[in-house]
Amino acid sequence: KLLVMSLVTFGLYEIFWFYKNWQLFKAKTGSDISPFWRTVFR
């Protein structure tokens, strides 16, 4: 799914995937990371 969605969306889905993972990681661990900046500098 990651491969297909990445191809169909020209890589935009990968950016979404990175952001969602960092967002969930932050919520679950309580760390003070920035999902936005971790995605920008993925």
ModelCIF file with pLDDT and N, C-alpha, C, O atoms, coordinates in Angstrom:
data_MODEL
#
_entry.id   MODEL 
#
_entity.id                         1 
_entity.type                       polymer 
_entity.pdbx_number_of_molecules   1 
#
_entity_poly.entity_id                      1 
_entity_poly.type                           'polypeptide(L)' 
_entity_poly.nstd_linkage                   no 
_entity_poly.nstd_monomer                   no 
_entity_poly.pdbx_seq_one_letter_code       KLLVMSLVTFGLYEIFWFYKNWQLFKAKTGSDISPFWRTVFR 
_entity_poly.pdbx_seq_one_letter_code_can   KLLVMSLVTFGLYEIFWFYKNWQLFKAKTGSDISPFWRTVFR 
_entity_poly.pdbx_strand_id                 A 
#
loop_
_entity_poly_seq.entity_id 
_entity_poly_seq.num 
_entity_poly_seq.mon_id 
_entity_poly_seq.hetero 
1 1  LYS n 
1 2  LEU n 
1 3  LEU n 
1 4  VAL n 
1 5  MET n 
1 6  SER n 
1 7  LEU n 
1 8  VAL n 
1 9  THR n 
1 10 PHE n 
1 11 GLY n 
1 12 LEU n 
1 13 TYR n 
1 14 GLU n 
1 15 ILE n 
1 16 PHE n 
1 17 TRP n 
1 18 PHE n 
1 19 TYR n 
1 20 LYS n 
1 21 ASN n 
1 22 TRP n 
1 23 GLN n 
1 24 LEU n 
1 25 PHE n 
1 26 LYS n 
1 27 ALA n 
1 28 LYS n 
1 29 THR n 
1 30 GLY n 
1 31 SER n 
1 32 ASP n 
1 33 ILE n 
1 34 SER n 
1 35 PRO n 
1 36 PHE n 
1 37 TRP n 
1 38 ARG n 
1 39 THR n 
1 40 VAL n 
1 41 PHE n 
1 42 ARG n 
#
_struct_asym.id          A 
_struct_asym.entity_id   1 
#
loop_
_ma_qa_metric.id 
_ma_qa_metric.mode 
_ma_qa_metric.name 
_ma_qa_metric.software_group_id 
_ma_qa_metric.type 
1 global pLDDT . pLDDT 
2 local  pLDDT . pLDDT 
#
_ma_qa_metric_global.metric_id      1 
_ma_qa_metric_global.metric_value   94.38 
_ma_qa_metric_global.model_id       1 
_ma_qa_metric_global.ordinal_id     1 
#
loop_
_ma_qa_metric_local.label_asym_id 
_ma_qa_metric_local.label_comp_id 
_ma_qa_metric_local.label_seq_id 
_ma_qa_metric_local.metric_id 
_ma_qa_metric_local.metric_value 
_ma_qa_metric_local.model_id 
_ma_qa_metric_local.ordinal_id 
A LYS 1  2 93.00 1 1  
A LEU 2  2 91.00 1 2  
A LEU 3  2 93.00 1 3  
A VAL 4  2 95.00 1 4  
A MET 5  2 95.00 1 5  
A SER 6  2 93.00 1 6  
A LEU 7  2 96.00 1 7  
A VAL 8  2 96.00 1 8  
A THR 9  2 96.00 1 9  
A PHE 10 2 96.00 1 10 
A GLY 11 2 93.00 1 11 
A LEU 12 2 96.00 1 12 
A TYR 13 2 94.00 1 13 
A GLU 14 2 93.00 1 14 
A ILE 15 2 95.00 1 15 
A PHE 16 2 94.00 1 16 
A TRP 17 2 94.00 1 17 
A PHE 18 2 94.00 1 18 
A TYR 19 2 96.00 1 19 
A LYS 20 2 94.00 1 20 
A ASN 21 2 94.00 1 21 
A TRP 22 2 95.00 1 22 
A GLN 23 2 94.00 1 23 
A LEU 24 2 93.00 1 24 
A PHE 25 2 93.00 1 25 
A LYS 26 2 94.00 1 26 
A ALA 27 2 92.00 1 27 
A LYS 28 2 90.00 1 28 
A THR 29 2 90.00 1 29 
A GLY 30 2 92.00 1 30 
A SER 31 2 93.00 1 31 
A ASP 32 2 95.00 1 32 
A ILE 33 2 96.00 1 33 
A SER 34 2 97.00 1 34 
A PRO 35 2 96.00 1 35 
A PHE 36 2 97.00 1 36 
A TRP 37 2 97.00 1 37 
A ARG 38 2 96.00 1 38 
A THR 39 2 96.00 1 39 
A VAL 40 2 96.00 1 40 
A PHE 41 2 97.00 1 41 
A ARG 42 2 94.00 1 42 
#
loop_
_atom_site.group_PDB 
_atom_site.id 
_atom_site.type_symbol 
_atom_site.label_atom_id 
_atom_site.label_alt_id 
_atom_site.label_comp_id 
_atom_site.label_asym_id 
_atom_site.label_entity_id 
_atom_site.label_seq_id 
_atom_site.pdbx_PDB_ins_code 
_atom_site.Cartn_x 
_atom_site.Cartn_y 
_atom_site.Cartn_z 
_atom_site.occupancy 
_atom_site.B_iso_or_equiv 
_atom_site.pdbx_formal_charge 
_atom_site.auth_seq_id 
_atom_site.auth_comp_id 
_atom_site.auth_asym_id 
_atom_site.auth_atom_id 
_atom_site.pdbx_PDB_model_num 
ATOM 1   N N  . LYS A 1 1  ? 0.833  -1.208 0.000  1.00 93.00 ? 1  LYS A N  1 
ATOM 2   C CA . LYS A 1 1  ? 0.000  0.000  0.000  1.00 93.00 ? 1  LYS A CA 1 
ATOM 3   C C  . LYS A 1 1  ? 0.867  1.256  0.000  1.00 93.00 ? 1  LYS A C  1 
ATOM 4   O O  . LYS A 1 1  ? 0.571  2.215  -0.713 1.00 93.00 ? 1  LYS A O  1 
ATOM 5   N N  . LEU A 1 2  ? 1.932  1.254  0.794  1.00 91.00 ? 2  LEU A N  1 
ATOM 6   C CA . LEU A 1 2  ? 2.825  2.405  0.838  1.00 91.00 ? 2  LEU A CA 1 
ATOM 7   C C  . LEU A 1 2  ? 3.441  2.648  -0.540 1.00 91.00 ? 2  LEU A C  1 
ATOM 8   O O  . LEU A 1 2  ? 3.538  3.792  -0.984 1.00 91.00 ? 2  LEU A O  1 
ATOM 9   N N  . LEU A 1 3  ? 3.852  1.589  -1.206 1.00 93.00 ? 3  LEU A N  1 
ATOM 10  C CA . LEU A 1 3  ? 4.436  1.716  -2.537 1.00 93.00 ? 3  LEU A CA 1 
ATOM 11  C C  . LEU A 1 3  ? 3.425  2.239  -3.551 1.00 93.00 ? 3  LEU A C  1 
ATOM 12  O O  . LEU A 1 3  ? 3.709  3.182  -4.289 1.00 93.00 ? 3  LEU A O  1 
ATOM 13  N N  . VAL A 1 4  ? 2.244  1.625  -3.584 1.00 95.00 ? 4  VAL A N  1 
ATOM 14  C CA . VAL A 1 4  ? 1.217  2.030  -4.547 1.00 95.00 ? 4  VAL A CA 1 
ATOM 15  C C  . VAL A 1 4  ? 0.768  3.464  -4.296 1.00 95.00 ? 4  VAL A C  1 
ATOM 16  O O  . VAL A 1 4  ? 0.694  4.268  -5.226 1.00 95.00 ? 4  VAL A O  1 
ATOM 17  N N  . MET A 1 5  ? 0.472  3.782  -3.047 1.00 95.00 ? 5  MET A N  1 
ATOM 18  C CA . MET A 1 5  ? 0.008  5.132  -2.730 1.00 95.00 ? 5  MET A CA 1 
ATOM 19  C C  . MET A 1 5  ? 1.091  6.178  -3.013 1.00 95.00 ? 5  MET A C  1 
ATOM 20  O O  . MET A 1 5  ? 0.788  7.286  -3.456 1.00 95.00 ? 5  MET A O  1 
ATOM 21  N N  . SER A 1 6  ? 2.330  5.826  -2.759 1.00 93.00 ? 6  SER A N  1 
ATOM 22  C CA . SER A 1 6  ? 3.427  6.757  -3.049 1.00 93.00 ? 6  SER A CA 1 
ATOM 23  C C  . SER A 1 6  ? 3.531  7.023  -4.543 1.00 93.00 ? 6  SER A C  1 
ATOM 24  O O  . SER A 1 6  ? 3.727  8.164  -4.963 1.00 93.00 ? 6  SER A O  1 
ATOM 25  N N  . LEU A 1 7  ? 3.401  5.973  -5.344 1.00 96.00 ? 7  LEU A N  1 
ATOM 26  C CA . LEU A 1 7  ? 3.458  6.140  -6.791 1.00 96.00 ? 7  LEU A CA 1 
ATOM 27  C C  . LEU A 1 7  ? 2.274  6.939  -7.322 1.00 96.00 ? 7  LEU A C  1 
ATOM 28  O O  . LEU A 1 7  ? 2.442  7.836  -8.147 1.00 96.00 ? 7  LEU A O  1 
ATOM 29  N N  . VAL A 1 8  ? 1.082  6.610  -6.847 1.00 96.00 ? 8  VAL A N  1 
ATOM 30  C CA . VAL A 1 8  ? -0.140 7.275  -7.329 1.00 96.00 ? 8  VAL A CA 1 
ATOM 31  C C  . VAL A 1 8  ? -0.167 8.749  -6.938 1.00 96.00 ? 8  VAL A C  1 
ATOM 32  O O  . VAL A 1 8  ? -0.647 9.585  -7.703 1.00 96.00 ? 8  VAL A O  1 
ATOM 33  N N  . THR A 1 9  ? 0.341  9.068  -5.760 1.00 96.00 ? 9  THR A N  1 
ATOM 34  C CA . THR A 1 9  ? 0.305  10.458 -5.280 1.00 96.00 ? 9  THR A CA 1 
ATOM 35  C C  . THR A 1 9  ? 1.616  11.196 -5.521 1.00 96.00 ? 9  THR A C  1 
ATOM 36  O O  . THR A 1 9  ? 1.819  12.298 -5.011 1.00 96.00 ? 9  THR A O  1 
ATOM 37  N N  . PHE A 1 10 ? 2.507  10.581 -6.303 1.00 96.00 ? 10 PHE A N  1 
ATOM 38  C CA . PHE A 1 10 ? 3.799  11.190 -6.623 1.00 96.00 ? 10 PHE A CA 1 
ATOM 39  C C  . PHE A 1 10 ? 4.609  11.531 -5.371 1.00 96.00 ? 10 PHE A C  1 
ATOM 40  O O  . PHE A 1 10 ? 5.259  12.575 -5.312 1.00 96.00 ? 10 PHE A O  1 
ATOM 41  N N  . GLY A 1 11 ? 4.564  10.649 -4.374 1.00 93.00 ? 11 GLY A N  1 
ATOM 42  C CA . GLY A 1 11 ? 5.357  10.813 -3.164 1.00 93.00 ? 11 GLY A CA 1 
ATOM 43  C C  . GLY A 1 11 ? 4.687  11.562 -2.027 1.00 93.00 ? 11 GLY A C  1 
ATOM 44  O O  . GLY A 1 11 ? 5.235  11.622 -0.927 1.00 93.00 ? 11 GLY A O  1 
ATOM 45  N N  . LEU A 1 12 ? 3.516  12.133 -2.265 1.00 96.00 ? 12 LEU A N  1 
ATOM 46  C CA . LEU A 1 12 ? 2.841  12.886 -1.196 1.00 96.00 ? 12 LEU A CA 1 
ATOM 47  C C  . LEU A 1 12 ? 2.382  11.973 -0.058 1.00 96.00 ? 12 LEU A C  1 
ATOM 48  O O  . LEU A 1 12 ? 2.371  12.376 1.105  1.00 96.00 ? 12 LEU A O  1 
ATOM 49  N N  . TYR A 1 13 ? 2.003  10.741 -0.405 1.00 94.00 ? 13 TYR A N  1 
ATOM 50  C CA . TYR A 1 13 ? 1.568  9.819  0.639  1.00 94.00 ? 13 TYR A CA 1 
ATOM 51  C C  . TYR A 1 13 ? 2.709  9.493  1.589  1.00 94.00 ? 13 TYR A C  1 
ATOM 52  O O  . TYR A 1 13 ? 2.476  9.314  2.785  1.00 94.00 ? 13 TYR A O  1 
ATOM 53  N N  . GLU A 1 14 ? 3.933  9.412  1.092  1.00 93.00 ? 14 GLU A N  1 
ATOM 54  C CA . GLU A 1 14 ? 5.086  9.162  1.960  1.00 93.00 ? 14 GLU A CA 1 
ATOM 55  C C  . GLU A 1 14 ? 5.233  10.277 2.993  1.00 93.00 ? 14 GLU A C  1 
ATOM 56  O O  . GLU A 1 14 ? 5.520  10.017 4.162  1.00 93.00 ? 14 GLU A O  1 
ATOM 57  N N  . ILE A 1 15 ? 5.038  11.493 2.562  1.00 95.00 ? 15 ILE A N  1 
ATOM 58  C CA . ILE A 1 15 ? 5.124  12.637 3.480  1.00 95.00 ? 15 ILE A CA 1 
ATOM 59  C C  . ILE A 1 15 ? 4.051  12.515 4.555  1.00 95.00 ? 15 ILE A C  1 
ATOM 60  O O  . ILE A 1 15 ? 4.318  12.724 5.739  1.00 95.00 ? 15 ILE A O  1 
ATOM 61  N N  . PHE A 1 16 ? 2.831  12.174 4.132  1.00 94.00 ? 16 PHE A N  1 
ATOM 62  C CA . PHE A 1 16 ? 1.732  11.965 5.079  1.00 94.00 ? 16 PHE A CA 1 
ATOM 63  C C  . PHE A 1 16 ? 2.074  10.834 6.047  1.00 94.00 ? 16 PHE A C  1 
ATOM 64  O O  . PHE A 1 16 ? 1.827  10.950 7.247  1.00 94.00 ? 16 PHE A O  1 
ATOM 65  N N  . TRP A 1 17 ? 2.639  9.741  5.532  1.00 94.00 ? 17 TRP A N  1 
ATOM 66  C CA . TRP A 1 17 ? 2.995  8.580  6.353  1.00 94.00 ? 17 TRP A CA 1 
ATOM 67  C C  . TRP A 1 17 ? 4.036  8.953  7.415  1.00 94.00 ? 17 TRP A C  1 
ATOM 68  O O  . TRP A 1 17 ? 3.908  8.580  8.581  1.00 94.00 ? 17 TRP A O  1 
ATOM 69  N N  . PHE A 1 18 ? 5.054  9.686  6.997  1.00 94.00 ? 18 PHE A N  1 
ATOM 70  C CA . PHE A 1 18 ? 6.065  10.144 7.955  1.00 94.00 ? 18 PHE A CA 1 
ATOM 71  C C  . PHE A 1 18 ? 5.432  11.000 9.046  1.00 94.00 ? 18 PHE A C  1 
ATOM 72  O O  . PHE A 1 18 ? 5.672  10.789 10.234 1.00 94.00 ? 18 PHE A O  1 
ATOM 73  N N  . TYR A 1 19 ? 4.629  11.961 8.631  1.00 96.00 ? 19 TYR A N  1 
ATOM 74  C CA . TYR A 1 19 ? 4.013  12.865 9.605  1.00 96.00 ? 19 TYR A CA 1 
ATOM 75  C C  . TYR A 1 19 ? 3.145  12.091 10.594 1.00 96.00 ? 19 TYR A C  1 
ATOM 76  O O  . TYR A 1 19 ? 3.251  12.308 11.801 1.00 96.00 ? 19 TYR A O  1 
ATOM 77  N N  . LYS A 1 20 ? 2.293  11.197 10.109 1.00 94.00 ? 20 LYS A N  1 
ATOM 78  C CA . LYS A 1 20 ? 1.405  10.435 10.992 1.00 94.00 ? 20 LYS A CA 1 
ATOM 79  C C  . LYS A 1 20 ? 2.205  9.585  11.974 1.00 94.00 ? 20 LYS A C  1 
ATOM 80  O O  . LYS A 1 20 ? 1.838  9.482  13.144 1.00 94.00 ? 20 LYS A O  1 
ATOM 81  N N  . ASN A 1 21 ? 3.287  8.980  11.511 1.00 94.00 ? 21 ASN A N  1 
ATOM 82  C CA . ASN A 1 21 ? 4.097  8.162  12.405 1.00 94.00 ? 21 ASN A CA 1 
ATOM 83  C C  . ASN A 1 21 ? 4.727  8.994  13.511 1.00 94.00 ? 21 ASN A C  1 
ATOM 84  O O  . ASN A 1 21 ? 4.703  8.600  14.677 1.00 94.00 ? 21 ASN A O  1 
ATOM 85  N N  . TRP A 1 22 ? 5.289  10.141 13.152 1.00 95.00 ? 22 TRP A N  1 
ATOM 86  C CA . TRP A 1 22 ? 5.896  10.991 14.188 1.00 95.00 ? 22 TRP A CA 1 
ATOM 87  C C  . TRP A 1 22 ? 4.842  11.565 15.123 1.00 95.00 ? 22 TRP A C  1 
ATOM 88  O O  . TRP A 1 22 ? 5.092  11.732 16.316 1.00 95.00 ? 22 TRP A O  1 
ATOM 89  N N  . GLN A 1 23 ? 3.675  11.865 14.588 1.00 94.00 ? 23 GLN A N  1 
ATOM 90  C CA . GLN A 1 23 ? 2.585  12.394 15.416 1.00 94.00 ? 23 GLN A CA 1 
ATOM 91  C C  . GLN A 1 23 ? 2.138  11.341 16.444 1.00 94.00 ? 23 GLN A C  1 
ATOM 92  O O  . GLN A 1 23 ? 1.965  11.658 17.621 1.00 94.00 ? 23 GLN A O  1 
ATOM 93  N N  . LEU A 1 24 ? 1.954  10.111 16.005 1.00 93.00 ? 24 LEU A N  1 
ATOM 94  C CA . LEU A 1 24 ? 1.564  9.039  16.925 1.00 93.00 ? 24 LEU A CA 1 
ATOM 95  C C  . LEU A 1 24 ? 2.669  8.734  17.925 1.00 93.00 ? 24 LEU A C  1 
ATOM 96  O O  . LEU A 1 24 ? 2.399  8.490  19.101 1.00 93.00 ? 24 LEU A O  1 
ATOM 97  N N  . PHE A 1 25 ? 3.906  8.747  17.462 1.00 93.00 ? 25 PHE A N  1 
ATOM 98  C CA . PHE A 1 25 ? 5.043  8.503  18.354 1.00 93.00 ? 25 PHE A CA 1 
ATOM 99  C C  . PHE A 1 25 ? 5.082  9.558  19.451 1.00 93.00 ? 25 PHE A C  1 
ATOM 100 O O  . PHE A 1 25 ? 5.269  9.233  20.623 1.00 93.00 ? 25 PHE A O  1 
ATOM 101 N N  . LYS A 1 26 ? 4.907  10.807 19.075 1.00 94.00 ? 26 LYS A N  1 
ATOM 102 C CA . LYS A 1 26 ? 4.915  11.898 20.057 1.00 94.00 ? 26 LYS A CA 1 
ATOM 103 C C  . LYS A 1 26 ? 3.791  11.732 21.070 1.00 94.00 ? 26 LYS A C  1 
ATOM 104 O O  . LYS A 1 26 ? 4.009  11.885 22.272 1.00 94.00 ? 26 LYS A O  1 
ATOM 105 N N  . ALA A 1 27 ? 2.588  11.421 20.591 1.00 92.00 ? 27 ALA A N  1 
ATOM 106 C CA . ALA A 1 27 ? 1.443  11.256 21.484 1.00 92.00 ? 27 ALA A CA 1 
ATOM 107 C C  . ALA A 1 27 ? 1.637  10.082 22.436 1.00 92.00 ? 27 ALA A C  1 
ATOM 108 O O  . ALA A 1 27 ? 1.265  10.168 23.607 1.00 92.00 ? 27 ALA A O  1 
ATOM 109 N N  . LYS A 1 28 ? 2.206  9.005  21.954 1.00 90.00 ? 28 LYS A N  1 
ATOM 110 C CA . LYS A 1 28 ? 2.359  7.803  22.768 1.00 90.00 ? 28 LYS A CA 1 
ATOM 111 C C  . LYS A 1 28 ? 3.506  7.916  23.762 1.00 90.00 ? 28 LYS A C  1 
ATOM 112 O O  . LYS A 1 28 ? 3.404  7.409  24.879 1.00 90.00 ? 28 LYS A O  1 
ATOM 113 N N  . THR A 1 29 ? 4.599  8.576  23.375 1.00 90.00 ? 29 THR A N  1 
ATOM 114 C CA . THR A 1 29 ? 5.768  8.651  24.262 1.00 90.00 ? 29 THR A CA 1 
ATOM 115 C C  . THR A 1 29 ? 5.807  9.922  25.095 1.00 90.00 ? 29 THR A C  1 
ATOM 116 O O  . THR A 1 29 ? 6.508  9.982  26.105 1.00 90.00 ? 29 THR A O  1 
ATOM 117 N N  . GLY A 1 30 ? 5.064  10.936 24.679 1.00 92.00 ? 30 GLY A N  1 
ATOM 118 C CA . GLY A 1 30 ? 5.091  12.197 25.397 1.00 92.00 ? 30 GLY A CA 1 
ATOM 119 C C  . GLY A 1 30 ? 6.352  13.006 25.140 1.00 92.00 ? 30 GLY A C  1 
ATOM 120 O O  . GLY A 1 30 ? 6.643  13.949 25.876 1.00 92.00 ? 30 GLY A O  1 
ATOM 121 N N  . SER A 1 31 ? 7.097  12.653 24.114 1.00 93.00 ? 31 SER A N  1 
ATOM 122 C CA . SER A 1 31 ? 8.333  13.387 23.814 1.00 93.00 ? 31 SER A CA 1 
ATOM 123 C C  . SER A 1 31 ? 7.998  14.769 23.251 1.00 93.00 ? 31 SER A C  1 
ATOM 124 O O  . SER A 1 31 ? 6.863  15.031 22.851 1.00 93.00 ? 31 SER A O  1 
ATOM 125 N N  . ASP A 1 32 ? 8.984  15.631 23.227 1.00 95.00 ? 32 ASP A N  1 
ATOM 126 C CA . ASP A 1 32 ? 8.743  16.999 22.771 1.00 95.00 ? 32 ASP A CA 1 
ATOM 127 C C  . ASP A 1 32 ? 9.207  17.226 21.329 1.00 95.00 ? 32 ASP A C  1 
ATOM 128 O O  . ASP A 1 32 ? 9.559  18.346 20.960 1.00 95.00 ? 32 ASP A O  1 
ATOM 129 N N  . ILE A 1 33 ? 9.209  16.174 20.520 1.00 96.00 ? 33 ILE A N  1 
ATOM 130 C CA . ILE A 1 33 ? 9.612  16.304 19.116 1.00 96.00 ? 33 ILE A CA 1 
ATOM 131 C C  . ILE A 1 33 ? 8.559  17.068 18.329 1.00 96.00 ? 33 ILE A C  1 
ATOM 132 O O  . ILE A 1 33 ? 7.414  17.184 18.765 1.00 96.00 ? 33 ILE A O  1 
ATOM 133 N N  . SER A 1 34 ? 8.939  17.578 17.190 1.00 97.00 ? 34 SER A N  1 
ATOM 134 C CA . SER A 1 34 ? 8.004  18.244 16.292 1.00 97.00 ? 34 SER A CA 1 
ATOM 135 C C  . SER A 1 34 ? 7.778  17.352 15.078 1.00 97.00 ? 34 SER A C  1 
ATOM 136 O O  . SER A 1 34 ? 8.669  17.219 14.239 1.00 97.00 ? 34 SER A O  1 
ATOM 137 N N  . PRO A 1 35 ? 6.589  16.733 14.968 1.00 96.00 ? 35 PRO A N  1 
ATOM 138 C CA . PRO A 1 35 ? 6.310  15.888 13.808 1.00 96.00 ? 35 PRO A CA 1 
ATOM 139 C C  . PRO A 1 35 ? 6.473  16.640 12.480 1.00 96.00 ? 35 PRO A C  1 
ATOM 140 O O  . PRO A 1 35 ? 6.918  16.065 11.486 1.00 96.00 ? 35 PRO A O  1 
ATOM 141 N N  . PHE A 1 36 ? 6.113  17.910 12.471 1.00 97.00 ? 36 PHE A N  1 
ATOM 142 C CA . PHE A 1 36 ? 6.236  18.701 11.247 1.00 97.00 ? 36 PHE A CA 1 
ATOM 143 C C  . PHE A 1 36 ? 7.687  18.789 10.795 1.00 97.00 ? 36 PHE A C  1 
ATOM 144 O O  . PHE A 1 36 ? 7.995  18.507 9.637  1.00 97.00 ? 36 PHE A O  1 
ATOM 145 N N  . TRP A 1 37 ? 8.582  19.179 11.703 1.00 97.00 ? 37 TRP A N  1 
ATOM 146 C CA . TRP A 1 37 ? 9.984  19.345 11.330 1.00 97.00 ? 37 TRP A CA 1 
ATOM 147 C C  . TRP A 1 37 ? 10.667 18.009 11.073 1.00 97.00 ? 37 TRP A C  1 
ATOM 148 O O  . TRP A 1 37 ? 11.575 17.928 10.247 1.00 97.00 ? 37 TRP A O  1 
ATOM 149 N N  . ARG A 1 38 ? 10.241 16.965 11.771 1.00 96.00 ? 38 ARG A N  1 
ATOM 150 C CA . ARG A 1 38 ? 10.796 15.634 11.500 1.00 96.00 ? 38 ARG A CA 1 
ATOM 151 C C  . ARG A 1 38 ? 10.367 15.160 10.111 1.00 96.00 ? 38 ARG A C  1 
ATOM 152 O O  . ARG A 1 38 ? 11.090 14.407 9.457  1.00 96.00 ? 38 ARG A O  1 
ATOM 153 N N  . THR A 1 39 ? 9.199  15.600 9.666  1.00 96.00 ? 39 THR A N  1 
ATOM 154 C CA . THR A 1 39 ? 8.739  15.248 8.326  1.00 96.00 ? 39 THR A CA 1 
ATOM 155 C C  . THR A 1 39 ? 9.454  16.084 7.280  1.00 96.00 ? 39 THR A C  1 
ATOM 156 O O  . THR A 1 39 ? 9.866  15.560 6.246  1.00 96.00 ? 39 THR A O  1 
ATOM 157 N N  . VAL A 1 40 ? 9.606  17.359 7.530  1.00 96.00 ? 40 VAL A N  1 
ATOM 158 C CA . VAL A 1 40 ? 10.307 18.229 6.585  1.00 96.00 ? 40 VAL A CA 1 
ATOM 159 C C  . VAL A 1 40 ? 11.734 17.728 6.363  1.00 96.00 ? 40 VAL A C  1 
ATOM 160 O O  . VAL A 1 40 ? 12.213 17.692 5.230  1.00 96.00 ? 40 VAL A O  1 
ATOM 161 N N  . PHE A 1 41 ? 12.400 17.347 7.430  1.00 97.00 ? 41 PHE A N  1 
ATOM 162 C CA . PHE A 1 41 ? 13.783 16.866 7.341  1.00 97.00 ? 41 PHE A CA 1 
ATOM 163 C C  . PHE A 1 41 ? 13.835 15.341 7.445  1.00 97.00 ? 41 PHE A C  1 
ATOM 164 O O  . PHE A 1 41 ? 14.715 14.785 8.101  1.00 97.00 ? 41 PHE A O  1 
ATOM 165 N N  . ARG A 1 42 ? 12.890 14.677 6.796  1.00 94.00 ? 42 ARG A N  1 
ATOM 166 C CA . ARG A 1 42 ? 12.756 13.225 6.904  1.00 94.00 ? 42 ARG A CA 1 
ATOM 167 C C  . ARG A 1 42 ? 14.002 12.472 6.456  1.00 94.00 ? 42 ARG A C  1 
ATOM 168 O O  . ARG A 1 42 ? 14.026 11.241 6.495  1.00 94.00 ? 42 ARG A O  1 
#
